[in-house]
Protein backbone atom coordinates (compact mmCIF):
# COMPACT_ATOMS: atom_id res chain seq x y z
CA MET A 1 0.31 -0.03 -0.03
CA ILE A 2 2.97 2.40 0.83
CA ASN A 3 4.94 1.53 -2.23
CA LYS A 4 1.65 2.03 -4.47
CA LEU A 5 1.06 5.44 -2.67
CA ASN A 6 4.27 7.10 -3.90
CA GLN A 7 4.03 6.11 -7.38
CA PHE A 8 1.29 8.33 -8.29
CA THR A 9 1.61 11.99 -9.73
CA ASP A 10 0.39 14.68 -7.98
CA PHE A 11 -0.61 17.89 -8.73
CA LEU A 12 -1.90 21.22 -7.12
CA VAL A 13 -4.47 23.12 -8.67
CA ALA A 14 -5.82 26.42 -7.40
CA VAL A 15 -9.70 27.42 -8.15
CA VAL A 16 -9.75 31.29 -8.11
CA GLY A 17 -12.59 33.74 -9.21
CA ASN A 18 -15.23 35.99 -7.93
CA VAL A 19 -17.87 35.15 -5.70
CA ASP A 20 -20.85 33.64 -7.34
CA ALA A 21 -18.86 31.91 -10.15
CA GLY A 22 -19.50 28.26 -9.06
CA LYS A 23 -15.98 27.52 -8.07
CA SER A 24 -17.32 24.79 -5.27
CA THR A 25 -20.23 23.36 -7.43
CA LEU A 26 -17.64 22.78 -10.38
CA LEU A 27 -15.43 20.85 -7.89
CA GLY A 28 -18.19 19.00 -6.46
CA VAL A 29 -19.41 18.04 -9.87
CA LEU A 30 -16.08 16.95 -10.86
CA THR A 31 -14.77 14.50 -7.61
CA HIS A 32 -18.17 13.30 -6.91
CA GLY A 33 -19.62 12.64 -10.57
CA GLU A 34 -23.24 13.87 -9.76
CA LEU A 35 -24.57 16.54 -11.76
CA ASP A 36 -25.58 19.71 -9.66
CA ASN A 37 -29.59 20.79 -9.14
CA GLY A 38 -29.16 24.47 -9.96
CA ARG A 39 -29.50 25.38 -6.62
CA GLY A 40 -26.31 24.46 -4.93
CA LEU A 41 -26.36 20.72 -4.10
CA ALA A 42 -22.93 19.82 -5.25
CA ARG A 43 -21.38 22.41 -3.54
CA LEU A 44 -22.70 21.16 -0.16
CA ARG A 45 -20.12 18.07 -0.10
CA LEU A 46 -16.98 20.56 -0.58
CA LEU A 47 -18.35 23.13 1.98
CA ARG A 48 -16.24 22.89 5.60
CA HIS A 49 -18.27 25.12 7.94
CA LYS A 50 -21.84 25.42 8.61
CA HIS A 51 -22.06 28.94 7.87
CA GLU A 52 -20.50 28.52 4.36
CA ALA A 53 -23.73 26.13 3.55
CA GLU A 54 -26.25 28.70 4.75
CA SER A 55 -24.22 31.41 2.68
CA GLY A 56 -23.22 29.21 -0.02
CA ARG A 57 -19.67 31.20 0.09
CA THR A 58 -16.61 29.82 0.76
CA SER A 59 -14.52 31.69 3.42
CA SER A 60 -11.64 28.84 4.24
CA VAL A 61 -9.24 26.86 2.01
CA ALA A 62 -11.07 23.44 1.21
CA HIS A 63 -9.20 20.80 -0.40
CA ASP A 64 -10.58 17.79 -2.75
CA ILE A 65 -9.17 15.39 -5.08
CA LEU A 66 -9.43 13.91 -8.16
CA GLY A 67 -7.68 10.38 -9.53
CA PHE A 68 -7.10 9.01 -12.80
CA ASN A 69 -6.27 5.64 -13.74
CA SER A 70 -3.20 4.70 -16.14
CA ILE A 71 -5.66 4.68 -19.23
CA GLY A 72 -6.84 8.44 -18.36
CA GLN A 73 -10.48 7.15 -16.65
CA VAL A 74 -11.84 8.86 -13.66
CA VAL A 75 -11.76 6.38 -10.73
CA ASN A 76 -13.69 8.69 -7.95
CA LYS A 77 -16.59 6.59 -6.52
CA PRO A 78 -18.24 8.59 -3.72
CA ILE A 79 -19.54 6.19 -1.04
CA HIS A 80 -22.84 7.58 0.76
CA GLY A 81 -21.78 11.12 -0.59
CA HIS A 82 -18.03 10.86 0.58
CA LEU A 83 -14.85 9.91 -1.09
CA ASN A 84 -12.36 7.16 0.45
CA TRP A 85 -9.23 9.04 -0.49
CA SER A 86 -6.96 6.14 0.14
CA GLU A 87 -8.54 3.99 -2.32
CA ILE A 88 -8.64 6.73 -5.18
CA CYS A 89 -5.15 7.03 -4.32
CA GLU A 90 -4.42 3.61 -4.59
CA ALA A 91 -6.11 2.92 -8.09
CA SER A 92 -4.90 6.20 -9.40
CA ALA A 93 -1.77 6.97 -11.53
CA LYS A 94 -2.30 10.74 -11.30
CA VAL A 95 -3.98 12.80 -8.52
CA ILE A 96 -5.22 16.39 -9.19
CA THR A 97 -5.75 18.23 -5.74
CA PHE A 98 -7.64 21.06 -6.19
CA ILE A 99 -7.52 24.05 -3.43
CA ASP A 100 -10.87 25.93 -3.34
CA LEU A 101 -10.34 29.39 -2.41
CA ALA A 102 -12.90 32.03 -1.70
CA GLY A 103 -13.99 34.86 -4.13
CA HIS A 104 -15.64 37.16 -1.77
CA GLU A 105 -13.69 40.43 -0.87
CA ARG A 106 -13.82 39.97 2.64
CA TYR A 107 -11.65 36.58 2.54
CA LEU A 108 -8.97 38.23 0.31
CA LYS A 109 -6.03 37.53 2.59
CA THR A 110 -7.18 33.56 2.88
CA THR A 111 -7.18 33.61 -0.90
CA ILE A 112 -3.73 35.00 -1.04
CA PHE A 113 -2.54 32.88 1.49
CA GLY A 114 -3.86 29.87 -0.43
CA MET A 115 -1.86 30.99 -3.67
CA THR A 116 1.40 31.67 -1.71
CA GLY A 117 1.23 29.17 1.12
CA HIS A 118 0.34 26.33 -1.04
CA ALA A 119 2.61 26.54 -3.74
CA PRO A 120 -0.04 25.55 -7.03
CA ASP A 121 1.08 24.13 -9.97
CA TYR A 122 -1.54 25.64 -11.80
CA VAL A 123 -4.68 27.92 -11.25
CA MET A 124 -8.36 27.37 -12.80
CA PHE A 125 -9.96 30.73 -13.01
CA MET A 126 -13.60 30.67 -12.94
CA VAL A 127 -15.68 32.84 -14.95
CA GLY A 128 -19.41 33.30 -14.56
CA ALA A 129 -21.19 33.53 -18.18
CA ASN A 130 -23.85 35.88 -16.98
CA ALA A 131 -22.05 38.18 -14.75
CA GLY A 132 -18.56 38.52 -16.65
CA VAL A 133 -15.35 39.18 -15.29
CA ILE A 134 -16.32 41.60 -12.32
CA GLY A 135 -15.52 42.10 -8.66
CA MET A 136 -12.38 40.23 -7.43
CA ALA A 137 -11.83 38.32 -10.40
CA LYS A 138 -9.40 40.66 -11.88
CA GLU A 139 -7.68 40.83 -8.71
CA HIS A 140 -7.28 36.57 -8.55
CA LEU A 141 -6.11 37.07 -11.98
CA GLY A 142 -3.41 39.24 -11.42
CA LEU A 143 -2.42 37.57 -8.49
CA ALA A 144 -1.65 34.22 -10.49
CA LEU A 145 0.27 36.36 -13.15
CA ALA A 146 2.13 37.87 -10.25
CA LEU A 147 3.23 34.57 -9.06
CA CYS A 148 3.84 33.30 -12.38
CA VAL A 149 1.78 30.11 -12.37
CA PRO A 150 0.09 28.71 -15.39
CA VAL A 151 -3.69 30.14 -15.68
CA PHE A 152 -6.64 28.33 -17.46
CA VAL A 153 -10.20 29.54 -17.85
CA VAL A 154 -13.53 27.99 -17.09
CA VAL A 155 -16.57 29.96 -18.06
CA THR A 156 -19.77 28.59 -16.01
CA LYS A 157 -23.46 28.75 -16.04
CA ILE A 158 -23.63 28.52 -19.54
CA ASP A 159 -27.17 27.04 -19.38
CA MET A 160 -28.74 30.26 -18.16
CA CYS A 161 -26.88 32.58 -19.91
CA PRO A 162 -28.74 34.51 -22.94
CA PRO A 163 -26.35 33.70 -26.03
CA ASN A 164 -25.59 37.70 -26.23
CA VAL A 165 -24.28 37.68 -23.11
CA LEU A 166 -22.40 35.21 -23.14
CA HIS A 167 -20.98 36.40 -26.42
CA GLU A 168 -20.14 39.57 -24.35
CA THR A 169 -18.38 37.91 -21.55
CA MET A 170 -16.41 35.79 -24.18
CA ASN A 171 -15.19 39.11 -26.00
CA LEU A 172 -14.05 40.82 -22.11
CA LEU A 173 -12.39 38.10 -21.47
CA PHE A 174 -10.16 37.90 -24.77
CA ARG A 175 -9.34 41.37 -24.50
CA ILE A 176 -8.30 40.75 -20.84
CA LEU A 177 -6.15 37.80 -21.72
CA LYS A 178 -4.48 39.44 -24.91
CA SER A 179 -3.73 43.02 -23.05
CA PRO A 180 -0.12 43.87 -22.10
CA GLY A 181 -0.52 43.18 -18.59
CA CYS A 182 -1.54 39.44 -18.99
CA ARG A 183 -0.17 38.60 -22.51
CA LYS A 184 -1.72 35.49 -22.69
CA ILE A 185 -2.86 33.84 -26.02
CA PRO A 186 -6.23 32.69 -25.38
CA ALA A 187 -7.53 29.52 -27.36
CA LEU A 188 -11.32 28.28 -27.00
CA ILE A 189 -11.81 24.77 -26.08
CA SER A 190 -14.51 22.86 -28.43
CA SER A 191 -12.94 19.27 -29.29
CA THR A 192 -10.81 16.75 -28.32
CA ASP A 193 -8.00 18.24 -30.61
CA ASP A 194 -7.79 21.59 -29.48
CA VAL A 195 -7.64 19.82 -25.51
CA ILE A 196 -4.35 17.66 -27.00
CA CYS A 197 -2.65 20.81 -28.40
CA CYS A 198 -3.44 23.14 -25.38
CA ALA A 199 -2.51 20.24 -22.95
CA THR A 200 1.06 19.76 -24.42
CA ASN A 201 1.92 23.41 -24.98
CA PHE A 202 0.64 24.48 -21.30
CA THR A 203 3.78 24.82 -19.60
CA SER A 204 5.13 27.77 -21.63
CA GLU A 205 2.64 30.32 -19.27
CA ARG A 206 1.61 32.08 -22.60
CA MET A 207 -1.34 29.44 -23.56
CA CYS A 208 -4.47 29.80 -22.11
CA PRO A 209 -7.22 27.57 -22.79
CA ILE A 210 -10.84 28.54 -22.30
CA PHE A 211 -13.49 26.14 -21.26
CA SER A 212 -17.41 26.78 -21.65
CA VAL A 213 -18.90 24.61 -19.12
CA SER A 214 -22.70 23.58 -17.27
CA ASN A 215 -22.86 22.03 -14.49
CA VAL A 216 -26.44 21.35 -14.59
CA ASN A 217 -26.61 19.52 -18.02
CA GLY A 218 -22.64 18.74 -17.95
CA THR A 219 -21.89 20.45 -21.28
CA ASN A 220 -18.04 20.09 -22.11
CA LEU A 221 -17.11 18.58 -18.78
CA ASP A 222 -15.61 15.61 -20.65
CA LEU A 223 -13.57 18.07 -22.28
CA LEU A 224 -12.22 19.46 -18.82
CA LYS A 225 -11.64 16.13 -17.43
CA LEU A 226 -9.24 15.21 -20.38
CA PHE A 227 -7.15 18.06 -20.08
CA LEU A 228 -6.82 17.62 -16.46
CA ASN A 229 -5.47 14.29 -17.21
CA LEU A 230 -3.42 15.44 -19.73
CA LEU A 231 -1.54 18.39 -17.75
CA PRO A 232 2.31 17.76 -17.76
CA SER A 233 4.47 18.28 -14.87
CA ARG A 234 6.17 21.88 -14.36
CA SER A 235 8.99 20.92 -12.61
CA GLU A 236 11.07 17.94 -11.72
CA PRO A 237 11.25 17.35 -7.73
CA ARG A 238 14.30 18.50 -5.84
CA LEU A 239 15.32 14.91 -4.30
CA ASN A 240 18.91 15.41 -4.03
CA GLU A 241 18.72 18.59 -1.69
CA LEU A 242 18.07 18.88 1.89
CA ALA A 243 14.90 18.75 2.94
CA HIS A 244 12.91 21.68 3.36
CA PHE A 245 9.14 21.59 4.31
CA GLN A 246 6.68 24.79 4.63
CA ILE A 247 3.81 24.52 6.98
CA ASP A 248 0.07 25.88 6.02
CA GLU A 249 -1.91 24.26 8.48
CA ILE A 250 -1.77 23.36 12.19
CA PHE A 251 -4.06 20.98 13.90
CA SER A 252 -4.72 19.41 17.51
CA VAL A 253 -5.98 15.71 17.31
CA GLN A 254 -6.97 14.36 20.11
CA GLY A 255 -4.94 11.18 21.03
CA VAL A 256 -2.31 11.92 18.74
CA GLY A 257 -1.30 15.46 19.53
CA THR A 258 -0.08 18.31 17.34
CA VAL A 259 -0.54 17.64 13.72
CA ILE A 260 1.03 19.95 10.54
CA SER A 261 0.62 19.60 7.08
CA GLY A 262 2.27 21.43 3.97
CA THR A 263 4.29 21.13 1.16
CA CYS A 264 7.36 19.51 0.89
CA LEU A 265 9.58 21.56 -1.37
CA SER A 266 12.56 19.52 -1.49
CA GLY A 267 14.28 16.40 -0.21
CA ILE A 268 13.00 13.34 1.61
CA ILE A 269 11.69 13.25 4.59
CA LYS A 270 11.43 9.57 6.58
CA LEU A 271 9.54 8.67 9.44
CA ASN A 272 11.37 9.29 12.83
CA ASP A 273 13.43 11.94 11.46
CA ILE A 274 14.77 14.59 13.37
CA LEU A 275 14.42 17.91 11.60
CA LEU A 276 14.82 21.63 12.90
CA LEU A 277 11.28 23.76 13.34
CA GLY A 278 11.21 27.35 13.13
CA PRO A 279 11.86 30.09 13.62
CA ASP A 280 10.06 30.86 16.91
CA LEU A 281 9.53 34.14 18.33
CA SER A 282 13.38 34.45 19.10
CA GLY A 283 14.50 33.44 15.92
CA GLN A 284 15.69 29.85 17.04
CA PHE A 285 15.23 26.34 15.36
CA ASN A 286 14.59 23.57 17.86
CA PRO A 287 14.97 19.90 16.89
CA ILE A 288 11.61 17.77 16.71
CA SER A 289 11.20 14.19 15.66
CA ILE A 290 8.57 12.98 13.31
CA LYS A 291 6.07 10.62 14.87
CA SER A 292 4.03 9.36 12.03
CA ILE A 293 3.37 10.89 8.11
CA GLN A 294 0.06 10.58 6.25
CA ARG A 295 -0.11 11.57 2.58
CA LYS A 296 -3.97 11.83 1.04
CA ARG A 297 -5.10 10.45 4.77
CA LEU A 298 -2.94 7.43 4.06
CA SER A 299 -0.30 6.24 6.65
CA VAL A 300 3.20 6.10 4.58
CA ASN A 301 6.95 5.90 5.65
CA TYR A 302 8.27 8.98 3.49
CA VAL A 303 7.63 11.99 1.70
CA ARG A 304 9.57 13.64 -0.87
CA GLY A 305 10.08 16.76 -2.85
CA GLY A 306 6.70 18.11 -4.56
CA GLN A 307 4.40 16.44 -2.20
CA THR A 308 1.97 17.55 0.23
CA ALA A 309 1.64 15.65 3.52
CA SER A 310 0.84 15.54 7.27
CA PHE A 311 3.22 14.95 9.88
CA ALA A 312 2.19 14.34 13.75
CA LEU A 313 5.23 15.93 16.02
CA LYS A 314 6.49 14.52 19.30
CA LYS A 315 6.60 16.20 22.38
CA LEU A 316 5.36 19.81 20.66
CA ARG A 317 2.31 21.77 22.05
CA ARG A 318 -0.19 23.69 19.93
CA ASN A 319 0.97 26.79 20.63
CA GLN A 320 4.81 26.33 19.96
CA VAL A 321 4.06 26.11 16.17
CA ARG A 322 2.50 28.78 13.97
CA LYS A 323 1.67 29.21 9.96
CA GLY A 324 4.74 30.30 7.96
CA MET A 325 6.92 27.91 10.25
CA VAL A 326 9.28 25.67 8.26
CA LEU A 327 10.84 22.12 9.10
CA LEU A 328 14.45 21.96 7.68
CA ALA A 329 17.25 19.42 7.55
CA PRO A 330 20.18 20.21 10.45
CA GLU A 331 22.68 20.00 8.12
CA SER A 332 21.40 23.60 6.38
CA LYS A 333 22.14 25.40 9.56
CA PRO A 334 18.85 27.53 8.84
CA LYS A 335 18.80 31.07 10.17
CA ALA A 336 16.13 33.39 10.42
CA CYS A 337 15.79 37.01 8.93
CA ILE A 338 13.98 40.02 10.25
CA GLU A 339 14.88 42.26 7.61
CA PHE A 340 15.57 41.40 3.92
CA ILE A 341 16.23 43.19 0.53
CA ALA A 342 13.65 42.85 -2.37
CA GLU A 343 13.07 43.89 -5.76
CA VAL A 344 9.79 45.04 -6.09
CA LEU A 345 7.51 46.52 -8.67
CA ILE A 346 4.81 48.79 -7.87
CA LEU A 347 1.42 47.54 -9.61
CA HIS A 348 -0.89 50.13 -8.47
CA HIS A 349 -0.86 52.80 -5.58
CA PRO A 350 -3.33 55.53 -5.27
CA THR A 351 -0.47 58.20 -4.20
CA THR A 352 3.10 57.44 -3.31
CA ILE A 353 5.48 54.76 -1.27
CA SER A 354 8.04 56.36 0.69
CA VAL A 355 10.38 55.02 3.76
CA GLY A 356 8.14 54.11 7.16
CA TYR A 357 5.36 52.67 4.68
CA GLN A 358 3.53 49.49 6.31
CA ALA A 359 2.12 47.06 4.44
CA MET A 360 1.22 43.15 4.54
CA VAL A 361 3.80 40.62 2.97
CA HIS A 362 2.87 37.26 1.52
CA ALA A 363 5.90 35.41 0.48
CA GLY A 364 5.31 31.60 0.61
CA PRO A 365 3.42 30.22 3.94
CA VAL A 366 4.72 33.68 5.76
CA ARG A 367 1.98 36.26 6.29
CA GLN A 368 3.32 39.04 8.50
CA THR A 369 3.17 43.12 8.38
CA ALA A 370 6.55 44.66 7.39
CA THR A 371 7.73 48.49 7.07
CA ILE A 372 9.93 49.89 4.39
CA LEU A 373 13.37 50.80 5.81
CA LYS A 374 15.30 52.05 2.72
CA LEU A 375 14.95 52.47 -1.14
CA ASN A 376 17.37 52.32 -3.20
CA SER A 377 17.07 55.07 -5.92
CA HIS A 378 14.09 56.43 -5.70
CA GLU A 379 12.70 58.64 -2.71
CA ARG A 380 9.53 57.94 -3.53
CA LEU A 381 7.42 55.04 -5.35
CA ARG A 382 4.78 55.65 -7.50
CA THR A 383 2.75 52.93 -9.74
CA GLY A 384 5.07 51.20 -12.20
CA ASP A 385 8.15 51.93 -10.24
CA LYS A 386 10.42 49.25 -9.82
CA ASP A 387 13.40 49.84 -7.07
CA MET A 388 15.33 47.76 -4.55
CA VAL A 389 13.73 47.98 -0.90
CA VAL A 390 14.79 46.88 2.21
CA PHE A 391 11.99 45.40 4.27
CA ARG A 392 11.59 44.64 8.22
CA PHE A 393 9.00 42.68 10.03
CA ILE A 394 7.43 44.72 12.57
CA LYS A 395 6.93 40.96 15.08
CA SER A 396 8.99 38.54 14.75
CA PRO A 397 11.65 36.62 12.67
CA GLU A 398 10.87 34.82 9.56
CA TYR A 399 12.77 32.06 7.18
CA LEU A 400 13.13 33.43 3.94
CA TYR A 401 15.53 32.36 1.00
CA THR A 402 16.77 34.33 -2.26
CA GLY A 403 14.39 34.13 -4.94
CA LEU A 404 11.27 33.51 -3.38
CA ARG A 405 8.55 35.61 -4.86
CA LEU A 406 6.37 37.95 -2.64
CA ILE A 407 3.27 40.17 -2.55
CA PHE A 408 3.37 43.68 -0.87
CA ARG A 409 -0.24 44.64 -0.33
CA GLU A 410 -2.38 47.02 1.74
CA GLY A 411 -5.79 48.17 0.60
CA LYS A 412 -5.82 49.08 -3.00
CA THR A 413 -1.97 48.96 -2.56
CA LYS A 414 -0.35 46.36 -4.93
CA ALA A 415 3.19 45.40 -5.48
CA VAL A 416 5.23 42.14 -6.19
CA GLY A 417 8.87 41.30 -5.99
CA THR A 418 11.57 38.77 -5.61
CA VAL A 419 13.81 38.17 -2.58
CA LYS A 420 17.11 39.03 -3.10
CA GLU A 421 19.30 39.26 -0.38
CA LEU A 422 18.78 38.19 3.51
CA VAL A 423 19.90 40.11 6.65
CA PRO A 424 20.78 37.40 9.58
CA TYR A 425 18.70 37.91 12.60
CA SER A 426 20.28 38.24 16.14
CA ALA A 427 18.71 39.23 19.65
CA SER A 428 20.89 42.68 19.38
CA ILE A 429 18.69 43.73 16.47
CA GLN A 430 15.56 43.75 18.25
CA GLN A 431 15.95 46.48 20.66
CA ASN A 432 13.35 46.80 23.53
CA PRO A 433 12.00 50.37 23.93
CA ARG A 434 11.46 49.86 27.46
CA ALA A 435 14.92 48.96 27.96
CA LYS A 436 16.19 52.27 25.94
CA LEU A 437 13.95 54.49 28.42
CA TYR A 438 14.78 52.90 31.65
CA LYS A 439 18.61 53.18 30.57
CA ARG A 440 18.00 57.27 29.86
CA TYR A 441 16.72 57.55 33.55
CA ALA A 442 18.94 55.34 34.98
CA THR A 443 21.84 57.50 33.71
CA SER A 444 20.97 60.91 34.99
CA LYS A 445 21.51 62.13 38.11
CA THR A 446 20.15 60.81 41.35
CA ASN A 447 20.05 63.92 43.03
CA GLN A 448 17.39 65.88 40.70
CA PRO A 449 15.87 68.52 42.66
CA MET A 450 11.97 68.43 43.04
CA ASN A 451 10.24 70.90 41.06
CA ASN A 452 6.80 71.64 39.22
CA THR A 453 7.71 69.49 36.42
CA VAL A 454 8.20 66.41 38.22
CA THR A 455 4.62 65.18 37.50
CA ASP A 456 5.63 64.75 33.97
CA GLU A 457 8.31 62.98 34.64
CA ILE A 458 6.03 60.38 36.85
CA LYS A 459 3.85 60.11 33.72
CA THR A 460 6.98 59.06 31.54
CA SER A 461 8.63 56.75 34.07
CA ASN A 462 5.30 54.49 34.19
CA LEU A 463 5.98 53.65 30.97
CA SER A 464 9.32 51.64 31.85
CA ASN A 465 9.45 48.46 33.28
CA THR A 466 8.51 48.18 36.95
CA SER A 467 10.49 45.10 37.82
CA SER A 468 13.67 47.33 36.89
CA ILE A 469 14.42 49.37 40.26
CA PRO A 470 17.38 51.23 41.04
CA LYS A 471 19.81 49.69 43.33
CA SER A 472 19.35 53.41 45.50
CA ALA A 473 15.58 52.72 46.41
CA GLU A 474 15.83 48.81 46.71
CA HIS A 475 15.87 49.36 50.78
CA ILE A 476 12.76 51.22 51.07
CA SER A 477 9.70 49.50 52.31
CA THR A 478 6.32 50.13 53.03
CA THR A 479 4.88 47.51 55.88
CA THR A 480 1.45 47.25 57.64
CA THR A 481 1.36 45.56 60.88
CA ASN A 482 -2.26 44.29 60.92
CA ASN A 483 -2.09 44.32 65.10
CA ASN A 484 -1.37 47.64 65.90
CA ASN A 485 -1.96 49.33 62.31
CA THR A 486 1.27 51.26 62.21
CA THR A 487 3.19 51.85 59.44
CA SER A 488 7.13 52.34 59.55
CA GLN A 489 8.23 55.58 57.79
CA PRO A 490 10.97 55.41 55.52
CA ASP A 491 14.16 57.62 56.51
CA THR A 492 14.09 61.07 54.93
CA THR A 493 17.80 61.64 54.91
CA GLU A 494 18.11 59.13 52.71
CA LEU A 495 14.80 59.56 50.77
CA SER A 496 15.93 63.16 50.09
CA ASN A 497 18.47 61.84 47.14
CA ILE A 498 16.17 59.69 45.54
CA PRO A 499 14.06 60.81 42.70
CA VAL A 500 10.11 60.76 42.78
CA SER A 501 9.96 59.38 40.00
CA ASP A 502 11.99 56.24 41.16
CA LEU A 503 9.94 55.98 44.55
CA LEU A 504 6.55 55.50 42.51
CA THR A 505 8.02 53.08 40.17
CA SER A 506 9.20 50.96 43.08
CA ASN A 507 7.55 47.58 43.42
CA ASN A 508 6.77 48.65 47.35
CA ILE A 509 4.93 51.33 46.92
CA ASN A 510 1.47 50.85 45.05
CA ALA A 511 1.41 53.78 42.44
CA PRO A 512 -2.41 54.39 41.90
CA ALA A 513 -3.10 53.94 38.33
CA ASN A 514 -5.73 56.74 37.56
CA SER A 515 -4.73 60.22 37.28
CA ARG A 516 -6.77 62.09 39.87
CA GLN A 517 -5.69 59.17 42.60
CA ARG A 518 -2.09 59.76 41.28
CA LYS A 519 -1.76 63.44 41.62
CA HIS A 520 -3.18 62.70 45.22
CA HIS A 521 -0.37 60.26 45.90
CA TYR A 522 1.86 62.38 44.62
CA HIS A 523 1.25 65.21 46.84
CA ARG A 524 1.17 62.75 49.87
CA THR A 525 4.01 61.11 49.27
CA ARG A 526 6.15 64.87 48.78
CA LYS A 527 4.72 66.07 52.12
CA ASP A 528 6.37 62.76 53.77
CA ILE A 529 9.25 63.61 52.50
CA THR A 530 9.63 67.33 53.50
CA GLU A 531 8.49 66.59 56.55
C-alpha cells in the first residue's frame, strides 16, 4: 500500500474567481461525479463550515482530489456521498488536488495565503457567464500572473446565460487576456484535438485554454476532465537537496497531539527523522522528531519533494507552532531574518510610497506586516516604479530564501517582487524601547531637585519596566502591621537623594493607576518627604 501510494503523480490546482462564479459547485461535480440541481447541491459536499453552507460562500481553504488511472479514466467513486481518499490514491496513476479558495473580497487575505502558502502548480480561473469578469476576478487573475503560475479559464453557467450575454463575456475575457498586462494567447476549447494541442503547450505560461461548461447539464465537462488528465509536470522534484517543508495548516488531534500539514519543497523526509522546526518568536530553530506521516489521509513511511503531507510531531504543544514556520534538515544550518532586501514592482498605488510605509507581505507561507526601511534609487515609489527595497518585519523573524516571490499589499496598494538578499537575525537587532527608556533614567543624576515638572517625569517613568528598580531604592519598604495598624516611615535623610519618579515606580509602593489618585498620591508622598 505504501509503495503504491508513492507511485502516482500529484498536482495542485488552485481554484479562484469572483464570488458566485460556481467554484465549489464545479469541484463538487468533478470529484463526486454527480451533476448539480441548479440550487447548489453539489457544493454542499465540499464546504467545511455551517455558515458556508447557509450562505453558499466559501470562507476557508478547502481541499478535494480527483484521481485518474493509467488509461485516463476517473476513479472517484463516492460512497454515501463521501470520498475515500486512500482508495482513490491506490487506484490512481495521477491525482489532482484542488484548492478551493474564497471569492469574496472579505476573505481576500485567505485567498492570497492559499495561493502563496500552498504553491499550486496551476490555477483554474472561474468566470460566471452571466456576470463576466467583475469584482475580485481581476484581483485573482493578477495574483496568479504575479506568482508566475499557468492559468486556464473555465466559464460556467452557460445553460442559464443568454447568447448575447455569453458573447459579451467571451469578448471581454479575450481582451483582458490579450492585454499588455497579461500577454496570454487565449484558445477556446471545443474539441478533443484542441485539448491535446493546448495541454502539450501549456507549460509555456503563454497559452491560456478557455472552457465553457455547465454544472447542470454537463456540457463540455468531459473535455475539462481530459485536459486535467493530460496536464504535464511543471518541474522535476528536487530529491537531491536538503529537506525543506513549509507549514500551512496546524491541527490538534485528540489522542495524537499536534499535527501539521504543508508542502515538501525539496529533499526526502522519512519517519522518525530529526528536523529543525522554526523560527520561533526569538528566531531559534528547535529539533523535533516526526512521529507519523500521512499523505492523502493514508500512512506512509516517507514524503519527497513536490508532495503534500501531514506530520504528527513528538512532544510539541499547539501554541509552539504557527503558520509560516518550516521544517529543515539540521545540515542546512538555517538562520531566520527580520530584515531582507527585495526587488519590488509597484503595480498600483493611489499616491506614493516612501520610507516608513507599512503593508502586509505574503511570501510563501509567511504572512506578516513589514515596514520599508530604505529605498535604493527613489525617494518615493509610484505606480509602475521598480526598485530595491529594504523591508523589516514588525513582529517576529521569519525564514525566507533568495528567489522567493512575494506580494506586498495594503488596501488598494499592490506590489510584487522577489527576495534578493537576507539580513541574518540576531537578538541585538531587536531593541527593546522599554530598556532604552529605563537606561535614560538610570544614567541621570540621582540628586534631581523636586520642582513643578516632576509630574511629567512620573507619567513618563510609568512607561518603563516597573520590575527594574535602581539600587538606591531597593532598601525602601512600606510595611503595614495588622495588630497595631502602624506603618513604618522611611528615613527622610536617605529619601532626599532619590528622585520621586524612582519612588513611585518601586514595587514596594503601590502607585495608583488613574490620574486623580496619582496626583493625590504624589502630593502625599512629597509631604511625607519634606516633613
